Amino acid sequence: MSAFDDLAALAPLRVWNGVTARVVESGRVTLALIELEANCVVPEHRHENEQVGVLLSGSLTFRIGEETRELGPGGTWSIPANVPHDVATGPDGAVVAEVFAPARADWNALERVAPSPPRLPS
């Protein structure tokens, strides 16, 4: 198994309707490039994984605990373990890069969709 790969070759995981993630994993962390469709809502949820991220393109309304923030490209977030959070995208959708620790073992059961070119910012 190689230590290298290409985003376009990674089969995206369907995390929610309108949300797919391409993951690069190690034993302790998951790095995900997450693509969210326009006007998409990720419902409130929480997990044991700490989560940090950066918005690469598009716009988000992000709620973490009791704090809500409108984010544009370059916006970042940090979510401690087990803190409830939800997000909604704007009219152009969004692409985010996120790291989860420990690794997202729960994502192993998610449906994989056919690989395609990722929506990377230009």
PDB file of N, CA and C in Angstrom:
ATOM      1  N   MET A   1       0.849  -1.178   0.000  1.00  0.00           N
ATOM      2  CA  MET A   1       0.000   0.000   0.000  1.00  0.00           C
ATOM      3  C   MET A   1       0.893   1.238   0.000  1.00  0.00           C
ATOM      4  N   SER A   2       0.626   2.162  -0.896  1.00  0.00           N
ATOM      5  CA  SER A   2       1.433   3.369  -1.023  1.00  0.00           C
ATOM      6  C   SER A   2       1.030   4.412   0.010  1.00  0.00           C
ATOM      7  N   ALA A   3       1.972   5.240   0.372  1.00  0.00           N
ATOM      8  CA  ALA A   3       1.703   6.369   1.263  1.00  0.00           C
ATOM      9  C   ALA A   3       1.091   7.539   0.501  1.00  0.00           C
ATOM     10  N   PHE A   4       0.975   7.425  -0.841  1.00  0.00           N
ATOM     11  CA  PHE A   4       0.496   8.529  -1.678  1.00  0.00           C
ATOM     12  C   PHE A   4      -0.774   8.142  -2.433  1.00  0.00           C
ATOM     13  N   ASP A   5      -1.577   9.133  -2.758  1.00  0.00           N
ATOM     14  CA  ASP A   5      -2.784   8.936  -3.562  1.00  0.00           C
ATOM     15  C   ASP A   5      -3.134  10.263  -4.205  1.00  0.00           C
ATOM     16  N   ASP A   6      -4.254  10.338  -4.906  1.00  0.00           N
ATOM     17  CA  ASP A   6      -4.728  11.551  -5.543  1.00  0.00           C
ATOM     18  C   ASP A   6      -6.197  11.737  -5.191  1.00  0.00           C
ATOM     19  N   LEU A   7      -6.612  12.954  -4.873  1.00  0.00           N
ATOM     20  CA  LEU A   7      -8.007  13.202  -4.483  1.00  0.00           C
ATOM     21  C   LEU A   7      -9.004  12.677  -5.509  1.00  0.00           C
ATOM     22  N   ALA A   8      -8.714  12.859  -6.795  1.00  0.00           N
ATOM     23  CA  ALA A   8      -9.651  12.434  -7.833  1.00  0.00           C
ATOM     24  C   ALA A   8      -9.841  10.917  -7.847  1.00  0.00           C
ATOM     25  N   ALA A   9      -8.876  10.169  -7.332  1.00  0.00           N
ATOM     26  CA  ALA A   9      -8.966   8.715  -7.317  1.00  0.00           C
ATOM     27  C   ALA A   9      -9.686   8.183  -6.084  1.00  0.00           C
ATOM     28  N   LEU A  10      -9.908   9.038  -5.075  1.00  0.00           N
ATOM     29  CA  LEU A  10     -10.571   8.599  -3.850  1.00  0.00           C
ATOM     30  C   LEU A  10     -12.080   8.581  -4.041  1.00  0.00           C
ATOM     31  N   ALA A  11     -12.699   7.454  -3.763  1.00  0.00           N
ATOM     32  CA  ALA A  11     -14.159   7.351  -3.873  1.00  0.00           C
ATOM     33  C   ALA A  11     -14.797   8.143  -2.736  1.00  0.00           C
ATOM     34  N   PRO A  12     -15.598   9.163  -3.056  1.00  0.00           N
ATOM     35  CA  PRO A  12     -16.226   9.955  -1.996  1.00  0.00           C
ATOM     36  C   PRO A  12     -17.206   9.128  -1.170  1.00  0.00           C
ATOM     37  N   LEU A  13     -17.311   9.469   0.098  1.00  0.00           N
ATOM     38  CA  LEU A  13     -18.294   8.871   1.003  1.00  0.00           C
ATOM     39  C   LEU A  13     -19.513   9.781   1.060  1.00  0.00           C
ATOM     40  N   ARG A  14     -20.716   9.204   1.021  1.00  0.00           N
ATOM     41  CA  ARG A  14     -21.937   9.999   1.175  1.00  0.00           C
ATOM     42  C   ARG A  14     -22.203  10.124   2.673  1.00  0.00           C
ATOM     43  N   VAL A  15     -21.901  11.309   3.238  1.00  0.00           N
ATOM     44  CA  VAL A  15     -22.037  11.530   4.674  1.00  0.00           C
ATOM     45  C   VAL A  15     -23.486  11.872   5.014  1.00  0.00           C
ATOM     46  N   TRP A  16     -24.096  12.770   4.254  1.00  0.00           N
ATOM     47  CA  TRP A  16     -25.510  13.155   4.353  1.00  0.00           C
ATOM     48  C   TRP A  16     -25.961  13.443   2.931  1.00  0.00           C
ATOM     49  N   ASN A  17     -27.250  13.662   2.726  1.00  0.00           N
ATOM     50  CA  ASN A  17     -27.730  14.101   1.418  1.00  0.00           C
ATOM     51  C   ASN A  17     -27.059  15.412   1.072  1.00  0.00           C
ATOM     52  N   GLY A  18     -26.413  15.468  -0.083  1.00  0.00           N
ATOM     53  CA  GLY A  18     -25.751  16.687  -0.524  1.00  0.00           C
ATOM     54  C   GLY A  18     -24.380  16.908   0.071  1.00  0.00           C
ATOM     55  N   VAL A  19     -23.854  15.933   0.816  1.00  0.00           N
ATOM     56  CA  VAL A  19     -22.543  16.076   1.470  1.00  0.00           C
ATOM     57  C   VAL A  19     -21.705  14.834   1.198  1.00  0.00           C
ATOM     58  N   THR A  20     -20.565  15.032   0.529  1.00  0.00           N
ATOM     59  CA  THR A  20     -19.637  13.923   0.308  1.00  0.00           C
ATOM     60  C   THR A  20     -18.263  14.289   0.861  1.00  0.00           C
ATOM     61  N   ALA A  21     -17.521  13.250   1.241  1.00  0.00           N
ATOM     62  CA  ALA A  21     -16.194  13.452   1.820  1.00  0.00           C
ATOM     63  C   ALA A  21     -15.198  12.502   1.185  1.00  0.00           C
ATOM     64  N   ARG A  22     -14.062  13.044   0.805  1.00  0.00           N
ATOM     65  CA  ARG A  22     -12.930  12.232   0.346  1.00  0.00           C
ATOM     66  C   ARG A  22     -11.958  12.195   1.512  1.00  0.00           C
ATOM     67  N   VAL A  23     -11.584  11.013   1.953  1.00  0.00           N
ATOM     68  CA  VAL A  23     -10.798  10.910   3.178  1.00  0.00           C
ATOM     69  C   VAL A  23      -9.407  10.355   2.948  1.00  0.00           C
ATOM     70  N   VAL A  24      -8.493  10.908   3.715  1.00  0.00           N
ATOM     71  CA  VAL A  24      -7.130  10.401   3.827  1.00  0.00           C
ATOM     72  C   VAL A  24      -6.989  10.054   5.300  1.00  0.00           C
ATOM     73  N   GLU A  25      -6.675   8.782   5.570  1.00  0.00           N
ATOM     74  CA  GLU A  25      -6.666   8.337   6.959  1.00  0.00           C
ATOM     75  C   GLU A  25      -5.309   7.808   7.385  1.00  0.00           C
ATOM     76  N   SER A  26      -5.067   7.964   8.674  1.00  0.00           N
ATOM     77  CA  SER A  26      -3.942   7.302   9.319  1.00  0.00           C
ATOM     78  C   SER A  26      -4.523   6.587  10.530  1.00  0.00           C
ATOM     79  N   GLY A  27      -3.706   6.046  11.351  1.00  0.00           N
ATOM     80  CA  GLY A  27      -4.208   5.335  12.515  1.00  0.00           C
ATOM     81  C   GLY A  27      -4.908   6.225  13.516  1.00  0.00           C
ATOM     82  N   ARG A  28      -4.543   7.497  13.595  1.00  0.00           N
ATOM     83  CA  ARG A  28      -5.066   8.371  14.644  1.00  0.00           C
ATOM     84  C   ARG A  28      -5.909   9.545  14.166  1.00  0.00           C
ATOM     85  N   VAL A  29      -5.820   9.924  12.887  1.00  0.00           N
ATOM     86  CA  VAL A  29      -6.572  11.078  12.394  1.00  0.00           C
ATOM     87  C   VAL A  29      -7.210  10.775  11.044  1.00  0.00           C
ATOM     88  N   THR A  30      -8.257  11.543  10.751  1.00  0.00           N
ATOM     89  CA  THR A  30      -8.884  11.534   9.430  1.00  0.00           C
ATOM     90  C   THR A  30      -8.799  12.945   8.877  1.00  0.00           C
ATOM     91  N   LEU A  31      -8.280  13.089   7.666  1.00  0.00           N
ATOM     92  CA  LEU A  31      -8.304  14.340   6.915  1.00  0.00           C
ATOM     93  C   LEU A  31      -9.376  14.165   5.857  1.00  0.00           C
ATOM     94  N   ALA A  32     -10.292  15.137   5.758  1.00  0.00           N
ATOM     95  CA  ALA A  32     -11.387  15.021   4.801  1.00  0.00           C
ATOM     96  C   ALA A  32     -11.524  16.291   3.971  1.00  0.00           C
ATOM     97  N   LEU A  33     -11.667  16.111   2.663  1.00  0.00           N
ATOM     98  CA  LEU A  33     -12.085  17.190   1.784  1.00  0.00           C
ATOM     99  C   LEU A  33     -13.580  16.971   1.609  1.00  0.00           C
ATOM    100  N   ILE A  34     -14.387  17.889   2.132  1.00  0.00           N
ATOM    101  CA  ILE A  34     -15.835  17.713   2.148  1.00  0.00           C
ATOM    102  C   ILE A  34     -16.472  18.709   1.193  1.00  0.00           C
ATOM    103  N   GLU A  35     -17.313  18.185   0.295  1.00  0.00           N
ATOM    104  CA  GLU A  35     -18.021  19.002  -0.675  1.00  0.00           C
ATOM    105  C   GLU A  35     -19.497  19.021  -0.295  1.00  0.00           C
ATOM    106  N   LEU A  36     -20.037  20.216  -0.130  1.00  0.00           N
ATOM    107  CA  LEU A  36     -21.432  20.391   0.260  1.00  0.00           C
ATOM    108  C   LEU A  36     -22.173  21.111  -0.860  1.00  0.00           C
ATOM    109  N   GLU A  37     -23.319  20.589  -1.243  1.00  0.00           N
ATOM    110  CA  GLU A  37     -24.112  21.207  -2.305  1.00  0.00           C
ATOM    111  C   GLU A  37     -24.698  22.534  -1.834  1.00  0.00           C
ATOM    112  N   ALA A  38     -25.191  23.311  -2.792  1.00  0.00           N
ATOM    113  CA  ALA A  38     -25.835  24.594  -2.491  1.00  0.00           C
ATOM    114  C   ALA A  38     -27.043  24.407  -1.584  1.00  0.00           C
ATOM    115  N   ASN A  39     -27.224  25.352  -0.649  1.00  0.00           N
ATOM    116  CA  ASN A  39     -28.388  25.372   0.249  1.00  0.00           C
ATOM    117  C   ASN A  39     -28.601  24.042   0.970  1.00  0.00           C
ATOM    118  N   CYS A  40     -27.519  23.442   1.375  1.00  0.00           N
ATOM    119  CA  CYS A  40     -27.529  22.148   2.064  1.00  0.00           C
ATOM    120  C   CYS A  40     -27.525  22.373   3.578  1.00  0.00           C
ATOM    121  N   VAL A  41     -28.204  21.503   4.300  1.00  0.00           N
ATOM    122  CA  VAL A  41     -28.229  21.589   5.762  1.00  0.00           C
ATOM    123  C   VAL A  41     -27.676  20.298   6.344  1.00  0.00           C
ATOM    124  N   VAL A  42     -26.656  20.429   7.171  1.00  0.00           N
ATOM    125  CA  VAL A  42     -26.144  19.305   7.953  1.00  0.00           C
ATOM    126  C   VAL A  42     -26.820  19.422   9.321  1.00  0.00           C
ATOM    127  N   PRO A  43     -27.618  18.437   9.695  1.00  0.00           N
ATOM    128  CA  PRO A  43     -28.379  18.555  10.944  1.00  0.00           C
ATOM    129  C   PRO A  43     -27.478  18.538  12.179  1.00  0.00           C
ATOM    130  N   GLU A  44     -28.045  19.028  13.276  1.00  0.00           N
ATOM    131  CA  GLU A  44     -27.281  19.003  14.521  1.00  0.00           C
ATOM    132  C   GLU A  44     -26.829  17.576  14.824  1.00  0.00           C
ATOM    133  N   HIS A  45     -25.576  17.459  15.208  1.00  0.00           N
ATOM    134  CA  HIS A  45     -25.016  16.174  15.591  1.00  0.00           C
ATOM    135  C   HIS A  45     -23.829  16.423  16.510  1.00  0.00           C
ATOM    136  N   ARG A  46     -23.300  15.390  17.061  1.00  0.00           N
ATOM    137  CA  ARG A  46     -22.099  15.460  17.898  1.00  0.00           C
ATOM    138  C   ARG A  46     -21.389  14.124  17.784  1.00  0.00           C
ATOM    139  N   HIS A  47     -20.108  14.133  18.082  1.00  0.00           N
ATOM    140  CA  HIS A  47     -19.323  12.905  18.014  1.00  0.00           C
ATOM    141  C   HIS A  47     -18.123  13.025  18.936  1.00  0.00           C
ATOM    142  N   GLU A  48     -17.522  11.900  19.219  1.00  0.00           N
ATOM    143  CA  GLU A  48     -16.370  11.867  20.132  1.00  0.00           C
ATOM    144  C   GLU A  48     -15.125  12.494  19.527  1.00  0.00           C
ATOM    145  N   ASN A  49     -15.114  12.681  18.218  1.00  0.00           N
ATOM    146  CA  ASN A  49     -13.936  13.200  17.531  1.00  0.00           C
ATOM    147  C   ASN A  49     -13.829  14.706  17.692  1.00  0.00           C
ATOM    148  N   GLU A  50     -12.636  15.194  18.004  1.00  0.00           N
ATOM    149  CA  GLU A  50     -12.370  16.624  17.880  1.00  0.00           C
ATOM    150  C   GLU A  50     -12.351  16.925  16.386  1.00  0.00           C
ATOM    151  N   GLN A  51     -12.710  18.146  16.014  1.00  0.00           N
ATOM    152  CA  GLN A  51     -12.843  18.495  14.600  1.00  0.00           C
ATOM    153  C   GLN A  51     -12.331  19.910  14.394  1.00  0.00           C
ATOM    154  N   VAL A  52     -11.403  20.076  13.459  1.00  0.00           N
ATOM    155  CA  VAL A  52     -10.938  21.406  13.071  1.00  0.00           C
ATOM    156  C   VAL A  52     -11.048  21.505  11.560  1.00  0.00           C
ATOM    157  N   GLY A  53     -11.317  22.726  11.072  1.00  0.00           N
ATOM    158  CA  GLY A  53     -11.492  22.852   9.637  1.00  0.00           C
ATOM    159  C   GLY A  53     -11.267  24.248   9.130  1.00  0.00           C
ATOM    160  N   VAL A  54     -11.233  24.329   7.795  1.00  0.00           N
ATOM    161  CA  VAL A  54     -11.102  25.600   7.090  1.00  0.00           C
ATOM    162  C   VAL A  54     -12.007  25.555   5.864  1.00  0.00           C
ATOM    163  N   LEU A  55     -12.698  26.670   5.619  1.00  0.00           N
ATOM    164  CA  LEU A  55     -13.557  26.802   4.447  1.00  0.00           C
ATOM    165  C   LEU A  55     -12.692  27.221   3.260  1.00  0.00           C
ATOM    166  N   LEU A  56     -12.676  26.388   2.218  1.00  0.00           N
ATOM    167  CA  LEU A  56     -11.861  26.660   1.037  1.00  0.00           C
ATOM    168  C   LEU A  56     -12.615  27.481  -0.001  1.00  0.00           C
ATOM    169  N   SER A  57     -13.904  27.208  -0.155  1.00  0.00           N
ATOM    170  CA  SER A  57     -14.712  27.979  -1.100  1.00  0.00           C
ATOM    171  C   SER A  57     -16.174  27.917  -0.684  1.00  0.00           C
ATOM    172  N   GLY A  58     -16.951  28.908  -1.140  1.00  0.00           N
ATOM    173  CA  GLY A  58     -18.361  28.974  -0.821  1.00  0.00           C
ATOM    174  C   GLY A  58     -18.606  29.731   0.475  1.00  0.00           C
ATOM    175  N   SER A  59     -19.769  29.452   1.086  1.00  0.00           N
ATOM    176  CA  SER A  59     -20.122  30.116   2.345  1.00  0.00           C
ATOM    177  C   SER A  59     -20.877  29.144   3.237  1.00  0.00           C
ATOM    178  N   LEU A  60     -20.756  29.373   4.551  1.00  0.00           N
ATOM    179  CA  LEU A  60     -21.391  28.516   5.555  1.00  0.00           C
ATOM    180  C   LEU A  60     -21.987  29.366   6.664  1.00  0.00           C
ATOM    181  N   THR A  61     -23.070  28.905   7.232  1.00  0.00           N
ATOM    182  CA  THR A  61     -23.548  29.381   8.520  1.00  0.00           C
ATOM    183  C   THR A  61     -23.320  28.208   9.462  1.00  0.00           C
ATOM    184  N   PHE A  62     -22.416  28.383  10.412  1.00  0.00           N
ATOM    185  CA  PHE A  62     -21.958  27.294  11.272  1.00  0.00           C
ATOM    186  C   PHE A  62     -22.361  27.598  12.701  1.00  0.00           C
ATOM    187  N   ARG A  63     -22.974  26.618  13.370  1.00  0.00           N
ATOM    188  CA  ARG A  63     -23.282  26.749  14.794  1.00  0.00           C
ATOM    189  C   ARG A  63     -22.512  25.684  15.546  1.00  0.00           C
ATOM    190  N   ILE A  64     -21.742  26.118  16.534  1.00  0.00           N
ATOM    191  CA  ILE A  64     -20.995  25.218  17.404  1.00  0.00           C
ATOM    192  C   ILE A  64     -21.400  25.551  18.832  1.00  0.00           C
ATOM    193  N   GLY A  65     -22.041  24.607  19.500  1.00  0.00           N
ATOM    194  CA  GLY A  65     -22.561  24.889  20.830  1.00  0.00           C
ATOM    195  C   GLY A  65     -23.582  26.008  20.738  1.00  0.00           C
ATOM    196  N   GLU A  66     -23.348  27.103  21.462  1.00  0.00           N
ATOM    197  CA  GLU A  66     -24.272  28.248  21.461  1.00  0.00           C
ATOM    198  C   GLU A  66     -23.816  29.384  20.539  1.00  0.00           C
ATOM    199  N   GLU A  67     -22.709  29.189  19.814  1.00  0.00           N
ATOM    200  CA  GLU A  67     -22.157  30.254  18.967  1.00  0.00           C
ATOM    201  C   GLU A  67     -22.432  29.978  17.495  1.00  0.00           C
ATOM    202  N   THR A  68     -22.940  30.985  16.783  1.00  0.00           N
ATOM    203  CA  THR A  68     -23.202  30.869  15.348  1.00  0.00           C
ATOM    204  C   THR A  68     -22.368  31.907  14.620  1.00  0.00           C
ATOM    205  N   ARG A  69     -21.825  31.507  13.464  1.00  0.00           N
ATOM    206  CA  ARG A  69     -20.967  32.415  12.708  1.00  0.00           C
ATOM    207  C   ARG A  69     -21.199  32.197  11.213  1.00  0.00           C
ATOM    208  N   GLU A  70     -21.230  33.309  10.465  1.00  0.00           N
ATOM    209  CA  GLU A  70     -21.247  33.272   8.994  1.00  0.00           C
ATOM    210  C   GLU A  70     -19.788  33.217   8.549  1.00  0.00           C
ATOM    211  N   LEU A  71     -19.452  32.252   7.696  1.00  0.00           N
ATOM    212  CA  LEU A  71     -18.068  32.082   7.269  1.00  0.00           C
ATOM    213  C   LEU A  71     -17.933  32.171   5.758  1.00  0.00           C
ATOM    214  N   GLY A  72     -16.836  32.788   5.326  1.00  0.00           N
ATOM    215  CA  GLY A  72     -16.442  32.813   3.927  1.00  0.00           C
ATOM    216  C   GLY A  72     -15.109  32.095   3.783  1.00  0.00           C
ATOM    217  N   PRO A  73     -14.591  32.019   2.555  1.00  0.00           N
ATOM    218  CA  PRO A  73     -13.312  31.344   2.348  1.00  0.00           C
ATOM    219  C   PRO A  73     -12.244  31.853   3.313  1.00  0.00           C
ATOM    220  N   GLY A  74     -11.532  30.908   3.907  1.00  0.00           N
ATOM    221  CA  GLY A  74     -10.507  31.231   4.889  1.00  0.00           C
ATOM    222  C   GLY A  74     -11.001  31.150   6.318  1.00  0.00           C
ATOM    223  N   GLY A  75     -12.324  31.076   6.522  1.00  0.00           N
ATOM    224  CA  GLY A  75     -12.874  30.925   7.876  1.00  0.00           C
ATOM    225  C   GLY A  75     -12.486  29.575   8.449  1.00  0.00           C
ATOM    226  N   THR A  76     -12.218  29.537   9.745  1.00  0.00           N
ATOM    227  CA  THR A  76     -11.817  28.300  10.414  1.00  0.00           C
ATOM    228  C   THR A  76     -12.725  28.004  11.600  1.00  0.00           C
ATOM    229  N   TRP A  77     -12.665  26.774  12.099  1.00  0.00           N
ATOM    230  CA  TRP A  77     -13.424  26.371  13.278  1.00  0.00           C
ATOM    231  C   TRP A  77     -12.681  25.271  14.021  1.00  0.00           C
ATOM    232  N   SER A  78     -13.043  25.160  15.283  1.00  0.00           N
ATOM    233  CA  SER A  78     -12.502  24.124  16.154  1.00  0.00           C
ATOM    234  C   SER A  78     -13.639  23.639  17.041  1.00  0.00           C
ATOM    235  N   ILE A  79     -13.922  22.338  16.967  1.00  0.00           N
ATOM    236  CA  ILE A  79     -15.046  21.768  17.704  1.00  0.00           C
ATOM    237  C   ILE A  79     -14.514  20.720  18.675  1.00  0.00           C
ATOM    238  N   PRO A  80     -14.667  20.960  19.975  1.00  0.00           N
ATOM    239  CA  PRO A  80     -14.256  19.943  20.950  1.00  0.00           C
ATOM    240  C   PRO A  80     -15.138  18.690  20.827  1.00  0.00           C
ATOM    241  N   ALA A  81     -14.677  17.592  21.392  1.00  0.00           N
ATOM    242  CA  ALA A  81     -15.437  16.342  21.385  1.00  0.00           C
ATOM    243  C   ALA A  81     -16.803  16.551  22.031  1.00  0.00           C
ATOM    244  N   ASN A  82     -17.819  15.915  21.440  1.00  0.00           N
ATOM    245  CA  ASN A  82     -19.180  15.848  21.970  1.00  0.00           C
ATOM    246  C   ASN A  82     -19.922  17.177  22.070  1.00  0.00           C
ATOM    247  N   VAL A  83     -19.474  18.216  21.373  1.00  0.00           N
ATOM    248  CA  VAL A  83     -20.190  19.491  21.350  1.00  0.00           C
ATOM    249  C   VAL A  83     -21.147  19.481  20.156  1.00  0.00           C
ATOM    250  N   PRO A  84     -22.435  19.785  20.360  1.00  0.00           N
ATOM    251  CA  PRO A  84     -23.386  19.779  19.247  1.00  0.00           C
ATOM    252  C   PRO A  84     -23.065  20.890  18.242  1.00  0.00           C
ATOM    253  N   HIS A  85     -23.242  20.562  16.965  1.00  0.00           N
ATOM    254  CA  HIS A  85     -22.985  21.539  15.913  1.00  0.00           C
ATOM    255  C   HIS A  85     -23.821  21.202  14.689  1.00  0.00           C
ATOM    256  N   ASP A  86     -24.088  22.233  13.875  1.00  0.00           N
ATOM    257  CA  ASP A  86     -24.787  22.065  12.610  1.00  0.00           C
ATOM    258  C   ASP A  86     -24.288  23.132  11.652  1.00  0.00           C
ATOM    259  N   VAL A  87     -24.591  22.949  10.377  1.00  0.00           N
ATOM    260  CA  VAL A  87     -24.097  23.876   9.363  1.00  0.00           C
ATOM    261  C   VAL A  87     -25.082  23.937   8.203  1.00  0.00           C
ATOM    262  N   ALA A  88     -25.139  25.100   7.565  1.00  0.00           N
ATOM    263  CA  ALA A  88     -25.932  25.291   6.347  1.00  0.00           C
ATOM    264  C   ALA A  88     -25.064  26.020   5.341  1.00  0.00           C
ATOM    265  N   THR A  89     -25.141  25.605   4.085  1.00  0.00           N
ATOM    266  CA  THR A  89     -24.354  26.253   3.041  1.00  0.00           C
ATOM    267  C   THR A  89     -25.160  27.362   2.379  1.00  0.00           C
ATOM    268  N   GLY A  90     -24.447  28.217   1.691  1.00  0.00           N
ATOM    269  CA  GLY A  90     -25.065  29.282   0.916  1.00  0.00           C
ATOM    270  C   GLY A  90     -25.424  28.810  -0.475  1.00  0.00           C
ATOM    271  N   PRO A  91     -25.743  29.751  -1.380  1.00  0.00           N
ATOM    272  CA  PRO A  91     -26.221  29.409  -2.717  1.00  0.00           C
ATOM    273  C   PRO A  91     -25.176  28.778  -3.626  1.00  0.00           C
ATOM    274  N   ASP A  92     -23.897  28.878  -3.272  1.00  0.00           N
ATOM    275  CA  ASP A  92     -22.845  28.278  -4.088  1.00  0.00           C
ATOM    276  C   ASP A  92     -22.307  26.993  -3.492  1.00  0.00           C
ATOM    277  N   GLY A  93     -22.896  26.515  -2.393  1.00  0.00           N
ATOM    278  CA  GLY A  93     -22.359  25.339  -1.729  1.00  0.00           C
ATOM    279  C   GLY A  93     -21.065  25.690  -1.027  1.00  0.00           C
ATOM    280  N   ALA A  94     -20.269  24.675  -0.716  1.00  0.00           N
ATOM    281  CA  ALA A  94     -19.011  24.914  -0.021  1.00  0.00           C
ATOM    282  C   ALA A  94     -18.083  23.717  -0.187  1.00  0.00           C
ATOM    283  N   VAL A  95     -16.804  24.000  -0.074  1.00  0.00           N
ATOM    284  CA  VAL A  95     -15.779  22.966   0.003  1.00  0.00           C
ATOM    285  C   VAL A  95     -14.949  23.272   1.235  1.00  0.00           C
ATOM    286  N   VAL A  96     -14.804  22.278   2.110  1.00  0.00           N
ATOM    287  CA  VAL A  96     -14.055  22.456   3.344  1.00  0.00           C
ATOM    288  C   VAL A  96     -13.004  21.363   3.481  1.00  0.00           C
ATOM    289  N   ALA A  97     -11.950  21.672   4.213  1.00  0.00           N
ATOM    290  CA  ALA A  97     -10.954  20.677   4.608  1.00  0.00           C
ATOM    291  C   ALA A  97     -11.064  20.551   6.119  1.00  0.00           C
ATOM    292  N   GLU A  98     -11.209  19.312   6.607  1.00  0.00           N
ATOM    293  CA  GLU A  98     -11.361  19.094   8.038  1.00  0.00           C
ATOM    294  C   GLU A  98     -10.471  17.946   8.501  1.00  0.00           C
ATOM    295  N   VAL A  99     -10.047  18.052   9.753  1.00  0.00           N
ATOM    296  CA  VAL A  99      -9.282  16.998  10.404  1.00  0.00           C
ATOM    297  C   VAL A  99     -10.055  16.554  11.628  1.00  0.00           C
ATOM    298  N   PHE A 100     -10.153  15.241  11.809  1.00  0.00           N
ATOM    299  CA  PHE A 100     -10.838  14.640  12.944  1.00  0.00           C
ATOM    300  C   PHE A 100      -9.863  13.777  13.728  1.00  0.00           C
ATOM    301  N   ALA A 101      -9.898  13.891  15.050  1.00  0.00           N
ATOM    302  CA  ALA A 101      -9.078  13.040  15.906  1.00  0.00           C
ATOM    303  C   ALA A 101      -9.919  12.616  17.097  1.00  0.00           C
ATOM    304  N   PRO A 102     -10.002  11.339  17.404  1.00  0.00           N
ATOM    305  CA  PRO A 102      -9.398  10.235  16.672  1.00  0.00           C
ATOM    306  C   PRO A 102     -10.028  10.072  15.295  1.00  0.00           C
ATOM    307  N   ALA A 103      -9.471   9.170  14.510  1.00  0.00           N
ATOM    308  CA  ALA A 103      -9.946   8.915  13.154  1.00  0.00           C
ATOM    309  C   ALA A 103     -11.436   8.561  13.162  1.00  0.00           C
ATOM    310  N   ARG A 104     -12.142   8.888  12.074  1.00  0.00           N
ATOM    311  CA  ARG A 104     -13.586   8.651  11.954  1.00  0.00           C
ATOM    312  C   ARG A 104     -13.860   7.197  11.567  1.00  0.00           C
ATOM    313  N   ALA A 105     -13.696   6.282  12.492  1.00  0.00           N
ATOM    314  CA  ALA A 105     -13.972   4.869  12.231  1.00  0.00           C
ATOM    315  C   ALA A 105     -15.427   4.654  11.838  1.00  0.00           C
ATOM    316  N   ASP A 106     -16.342   5.495  12.339  1.00  0.00           N
ATOM    317  CA  ASP A 106     -17.762   5.358  12.014  1.00  0.00           C
ATOM    318  C   ASP A 106     -18.037   5.592  10.534  1.00  0.00           C
ATOM    319  N   TRP A 107     -17.152   6.284   9.838  1.00  0.00           N
ATOM    320  CA  TRP A 107     -17.355   6.536   8.417  1.00  0.00           C
ATOM    321  C   TRP A 107     -17.067   5.309   7.558  1.00  0.00           C
ATOM    322  N   ASN A 108     -16.454   4.277   8.118  1.00  0.00           N
ATOM    323  CA  ASN A 108     -16.146   3.069   7.347  1.00  0.00           C
ATOM    324  C   ASN A 108     -17.405   2.409   6.799  1.00  0.00           C
ATOM    325  N   ALA A 109     -18.543   2.604   7.434  1.00  0.00           N
ATOM    326  CA  ALA A 109     -19.796   1.984   7.005  1.00  0.00           C
ATOM    327  C   ALA A 109     -20.561   2.821   5.983  1.00  0.00           C
ATOM    328  N   LEU A 110     -20.088   4.020   5.654  1.00  0.00           N
ATOM    329  CA  LEU A 110     -20.812   4.895   4.732  1.00  0.00           C
ATOM    330  C   LEU A 110     -20.713   4.411   3.293  1.00  0.00           C
ATOM    331  N   GLU A 111     -21.744   4.751   2.508  1.00  0.00           N
ATOM    332  CA  GLU A 111     -21.777   4.424   1.080  1.00  0.00           C
ATOM    333  C   GLU A 111     -20.693   5.194   0.346  1.00  0.00           C
ATOM    334  N   ARG A 112     -19.996   4.501  -0.538  1.00  0.00           N
ATOM    335  CA  ARG A 112     -19.005   5.151  -1.401  1.00  0.00           C
ATOM    336  C   ARG A 112     -19.637   5.378  -2.765  1.00  0.00           C
ATOM    337  N   VAL A 113     -19.365   6.545  -3.356  1.00  0.00           N
ATOM    338  CA  VAL A 113     -19.867   6.855  -4.688  1.00  0.00           C
ATOM    339  C   VAL A 113     -18.699   6.860  -5.654  1.00  0.00           C
ATOM    340  N   ALA A 114     -18.995   6.855  -6.946  1.00  0.00           N
ATOM    341  CA  ALA A 114     -17.941   6.771  -7.960  1.00  0.00           C
ATOM    342  C   ALA A 114     -16.989   7.965  -7.868  1.00  0.00           C
ATOM    343  N   PRO A 115     -15.684   7.697  -7.989  1.00  0.00           N
ATOM    344  CA  PRO A 115     -14.717   8.807  -7.982  1.00  0.00           C
ATOM    345  C   PRO A 115     -14.995   9.777  -9.122  1.00  0.00           C
ATOM    346  N   SER A 116     -14.738  11.041  -8.860  1.00  0.00           N
ATOM    347  CA  SER A 116     -14.902  12.102  -9.849  1.00  0.00           C
ATOM    348  C   SER A 116     -13.939  13.219  -9.469  1.00  0.00           C
ATOM    349  N   PRO A 117     -13.695  14.169 -10.370  1.00  0.00           N
ATOM    350  CA  PRO A 117     -12.803  15.277 -10.004  1.00  0.00           C
ATOM    351  C   PRO A 117     -13.371  16.068  -8.837  1.00  0.00           C
ATOM    352  N   PRO A 118     -12.558  16.382  -7.840  1.00  0.00           N
ATOM    353  CA  PRO A 118     -13.038  17.185  -6.706  1.00  0.00           C
ATOM    354  C   PRO A 118     -13.253  18.628  -7.122  1.00  0.00           C
ATOM    355  N   ARG A 119     -14.125  19.334  -6.405  1.00  0.00           N
ATOM    356  CA  ARG A 119     -14.357  20.778  -6.622  1.00  0.00           C
ATOM    357  C   ARG A 119     -13.320  21.558  -5.813  1.00  0.00           C
ATOM    358  N   LEU A 120     -12.158  21.712  -6.334  1.00  0.00           N
ATOM    359  CA  LEU A 120     -11.124  22.449  -5.633  1.00  0.00           C
ATOM    360  C   LEU A 120     -11.179  23.924  -6.007  1.00  0.00           C
ATOM    361  N   PRO A 121     -10.857  24.803  -5.053  1.00  0.00           N
ATOM    362  CA  PRO A 121     -10.829  26.228  -5.384  1.00  0.00           C
ATOM    363  C   PRO A 121      -9.754  26.512  -6.427  1.00  0.00           C
ATOM    364  N   SER A 122     -10.029  27.470  -7.299  1.00  0.00           N
ATOM    365  CA  SER A 122      -9.030  27.790  -8.337  1.00  0.00           C
ATOM    366  C   SER A 122      -8.103  28.880  -7.893  1.00  0.00           C
TER     367      SER A 122
END
